Amino acid sequence: QVQLVESGGGLVQPGGSLRLSCTASGFTFSNFLMTWYRQAPGKERELVASIGATGGWTNYADSVKGRFTISRDNTRNTVTLQMNSLKPEDTAVYYCHTRPGGMDYWGKGTLVTVSS
C-alpha cells in the first residue's frame, strides 16, 4: 500500500533553516506529482510546494517563494523541502501528499516550530 513518511521537523529559531524529507513506497514514485502541505494551529491545511514527476516543474505558495525549495530523488523515492529564513508564521505540521490512481494519500506529518 502507499506509504508516505515525513521526517526532519523540529524547533528552530526565526531566520534558521530546516530540511524536511518524505520517503514514499507502494507506488511508482517517479510517475507522480508530489506536494508538501502544512496546517498551522486553528487554520486550514494549505499547499506549500509541488514538484512534477521528473522534477522539472515546481510551484510554490507566495508566502514561501524565495525561502523554500522543493526537490526530489526518484532513485530514492524521496521528496525534500529545504526551508530557509524561517518565520514564526511557518510554524505548522507539514504533510507530504500524492495522488496515484486518483486517490489522495497523506503522511502523518512532521511538526515545525519556529520560535525564539
Protein backbone atom coordinates (compact mmCIF):
# COMPACT_ATOMS: atom_id res chain seq x y z
CA GLN A 1 0.00 0.00 0.00
CA VAL A 2 1.00 3.62 -0.45
CA GLN A 3 3.02 4.98 2.43
CA LEU A 4 4.46 8.45 2.95
CA VAL A 5 6.76 9.06 5.91
CA GLU A 6 7.89 12.58 6.76
CA SER A 7 10.92 13.46 8.84
CA GLY A 8 13.10 16.42 9.71
CA GLY A 9 10.78 18.63 11.72
CA GLY A 10 11.75 20.30 14.96
CA LEU A 11 12.25 23.55 16.82
CA VAL A 12 14.22 26.29 15.10
CA GLN A 13 14.81 29.97 15.78
CA PRO A 14 13.48 32.64 13.42
CA GLY A 15 15.85 33.02 10.50
CA GLY A 16 17.00 29.44 10.78
CA SER A 17 16.73 26.51 8.40
CA LEU A 18 15.26 23.03 8.36
CA ARG A 19 15.20 20.27 5.78
CA LEU A 20 12.14 18.05 5.61
CA SER A 21 12.13 14.70 3.83
CA CYS A 22 9.32 12.43 2.71
CA THR A 23 10.06 8.82 1.84
CA ALA A 24 7.46 7.13 -0.34
CA SER A 25 6.65 3.49 -1.02
CA GLY A 26 3.90 1.35 -2.51
CA PHE A 27 3.59 3.11 -5.87
CA THR A 28 5.71 4.14 -8.84
CA PHE A 29 7.13 7.29 -7.29
CA SER A 30 8.73 8.64 -10.46
CA ASN A 31 5.33 8.87 -12.20
CA PHE A 32 3.58 11.23 -9.81
CA LEU A 33 3.41 14.81 -8.64
CA MET A 34 4.45 15.26 -5.03
CA THR A 35 3.27 18.09 -2.80
CA TRP A 36 4.05 19.48 0.63
CA TYR A 37 1.15 20.95 2.60
CA ARG A 38 1.09 22.48 6.06
CA GLN A 39 -1.50 23.12 8.71
CA ALA A 40 -0.99 25.71 11.40
CA PRO A 41 -2.94 25.61 14.67
CA GLY A 42 -6.50 26.77 14.10
CA LYS A 43 -6.04 27.14 10.36
CA GLU A 44 -6.89 25.13 7.28
CA ARG A 45 -4.34 22.97 5.53
CA GLU A 46 -2.57 24.87 2.76
CA LEU A 47 -0.35 23.98 -0.16
CA VAL A 48 3.30 24.86 0.34
CA ALA A 49 5.10 23.48 -2.72
CA SER A 50 4.66 20.95 -5.51
CA ILE A 51 7.08 19.20 -7.83
CA GLY A 52 6.36 17.38 -11.06
CA ALA A 53 7.14 13.75 -11.70
CA THR A 54 10.54 14.40 -13.27
CA GLY A 55 11.41 17.36 -11.07
CA GLY A 56 11.33 19.76 -13.99
CA TRP A 57 8.32 21.72 -12.75
CA THR A 58 7.82 23.27 -9.35
CA ASN A 59 5.20 25.51 -7.78
CA TYR A 60 5.27 27.46 -4.51
CA ALA A 61 2.86 29.32 -2.30
CA ASP A 62 3.56 33.05 -2.43
CA SER A 63 4.31 33.01 1.29
CA VAL A 64 7.34 30.72 0.84
CA LYS A 65 8.71 31.76 -2.56
CA GLY A 66 12.39 32.56 -2.38
CA ARG A 67 12.77 30.84 1.01
CA PHE A 68 11.72 27.23 0.41
CA THR A 69 12.97 24.80 -2.23
CA ILE A 70 11.31 21.52 -3.15
CA SER A 71 13.30 18.74 -4.81
CA ARG A 72 13.03 15.02 -5.41
CA ASP A 73 15.25 12.00 -5.90
CA ASN A 74 13.45 9.41 -8.00
CA THR A 75 16.19 6.85 -7.33
CA ARG A 76 15.49 7.02 -3.61
CA ASN A 77 11.74 7.73 -3.69
CA THR A 78 12.19 10.85 -1.64
CA VAL A 79 10.95 14.42 -1.85
CA THR A 80 12.65 17.12 0.16
CA LEU A 81 11.65 20.59 1.32
CA GLN A 82 14.55 22.87 2.17
CA MET A 83 13.26 25.71 4.33
CA ASN A 84 15.41 28.78 4.88
CA SER A 85 14.81 32.13 6.57
CA LEU A 86 12.09 30.56 8.67
CA LYS A 87 9.49 32.79 10.28
CA PRO A 88 7.19 32.18 13.27
CA GLU A 89 4.27 32.04 10.83
CA ASP A 90 5.87 28.96 9.23
CA THR A 91 5.04 27.04 12.40
CA ALA A 92 2.81 24.14 11.37
CA VAL A 93 2.56 20.42 10.85
CA TYR A 94 3.98 19.69 7.40
CA TYR A 95 2.46 16.88 5.35
CA CYS A 96 3.58 15.04 2.25
CA HIS A 97 0.88 14.27 -0.33
CA THR A 98 0.46 12.36 -3.56
CA ARG A 99 -2.42 11.14 -5.68
CA PRO A 100 -1.68 7.91 -7.59
CA GLY A 101 -4.76 6.31 -9.15
CA GLY A 102 -6.85 9.36 -8.33
CA MET A 103 -6.77 8.71 -4.58
CA ASP A 104 -5.32 11.11 -2.04
CA TYR A 105 -2.56 9.83 0.22
CA TRP A 106 -1.07 11.71 3.14
CA GLY A 107 1.75 11.14 5.53
CA LYS A 108 1.26 11.57 9.26
CA GLY A 109 3.10 14.87 9.24
CA THR A 110 6.11 16.40 10.93
CA LEU A 111 5.91 19.38 13.28
CA VAL A 112 7.92 22.50 12.56
CA THR A 113 8.05 25.11 15.30
CA VAL A 114 9.74 28.45 14.65
CA SER A 115 10.26 30.29 17.90
CA SER A 116 12.91 32.09 19.88
